[in-house]
Amino acid sequence: MSKEIEWSELGFGYMPTDFNVRCHFKDGAWGNIEKYDTEYINLNMAATCLHYGQEAFEGLKAFRGKDGKIRVFRLEENAKRLQHSCDGIKMAKLPLEKFKEAVFQAIKLNERFVPPYGSGASLYIRPLLIGTSAQVGVKPSKEYLFVVFVTPVGPYFKAGFKPTPMVILRGYDRAAPLGTGKYKVGGNYAASLAAGERAHELGYSAVLFLDAKEKKYIDECGPANFFAIKNNTYITPKSESILPSITNDSLMKLAEAMGLNVERRPIAEDELATFDEAGACGTAAVISPIERIDDVDENKSYIFSKDGKPGPICEALYNKLRAIQYGDEPDIFNWNSIVE
């Protein structure tokens, strides 16, 4: 099948692969990791994941290098973030080693779906943890299922690494100020769907959410973190309602290594007018440069690209991060895990 895939034509979507792996939590303990060849889960209709949102997930990628090796980017940080989400919605925490073992198994079982070097595609890895106890009272599940499946993907945004317009829509909130915004749980994404669809109807690639409390500060870019460049400084919002992006953390470290200053702090919307470059970043998109941000309610527009090209620092960061992921440059931060 892999020979039939047009790797360079892949978008960001789901493609069935050969196997997935699963692990059950029951009677207070995690079991063994098992291989499955079905895409379907046998689930009780009263499972807590279906009724009370006990569901958390991760997203990470594997890359085939010029040397043929498969590298998984920042696996341990994804494992830790899943544990953080488990703390937030009272789920049984998966041990870090169990997470790593499951991810490696899923990749090895589906190795023929890892896109070749130079195709621009990668293997997206989706770890999923759900509450499975049958109950109708609002309380944490006693049983859980952990699943890892993989699928080959291309760019998240159709335009790829090109500036796209984004929009501020004040009539929507992504997450409550003291809610679950800092956890990677499905409810946050469900809450963003209406705003995202409205943005697409208006011709924008994504929504730039403002904080839910004051509608004054920058929050997130739809499914990604926001960052900006100003006076040789990488600036990204600081808020308890923003998901801690592993890609954003990587870019901050790369920016420092490249001689930029780094600031993580509240960013008022008015400051957008002072930025030289802006982008959205995340595992799926890596970096999506922002062409402009329109505040349709206030009839304002903040422009970052007039020629349709990414800014020089956005481009340098993007190229540097991708080079490390594919093994083209030294992994100076020891971010990659090699699949042996």
Foldseek 3Di string as FASTA:
>chain_A
DLVPDLLLPFAADDDDFQWKWKWKQAPNDIDDIDIDRDPDDDADPQFCCNPPQQKFKFKWWWAQAPVRWIWTFQLQVRLVLQQVLCVQQVHDRDDSVRSVVRQLVQCVVRVSQADHPPSQKTKMKMKMKGGGDRDDDPDGHNMMMIMIHIHIGHAHFPVAQWAWAEEEDAVAAQAAQPHSLQHRTPVSLVSQVVVQVVRVVVPGRFYFYAHPPPSWWTEDTRVFFKWFAAPLEIEGEDGPNHHPAPLVVVLCVVSVVVPGHYYYYTHTPVCLQRTQWMWTDHNRNSTHTHQWYAHVVVRDIRGNDDPRHHDPSSVVSSVVVVCCSNVVDDVVVPRIDISD
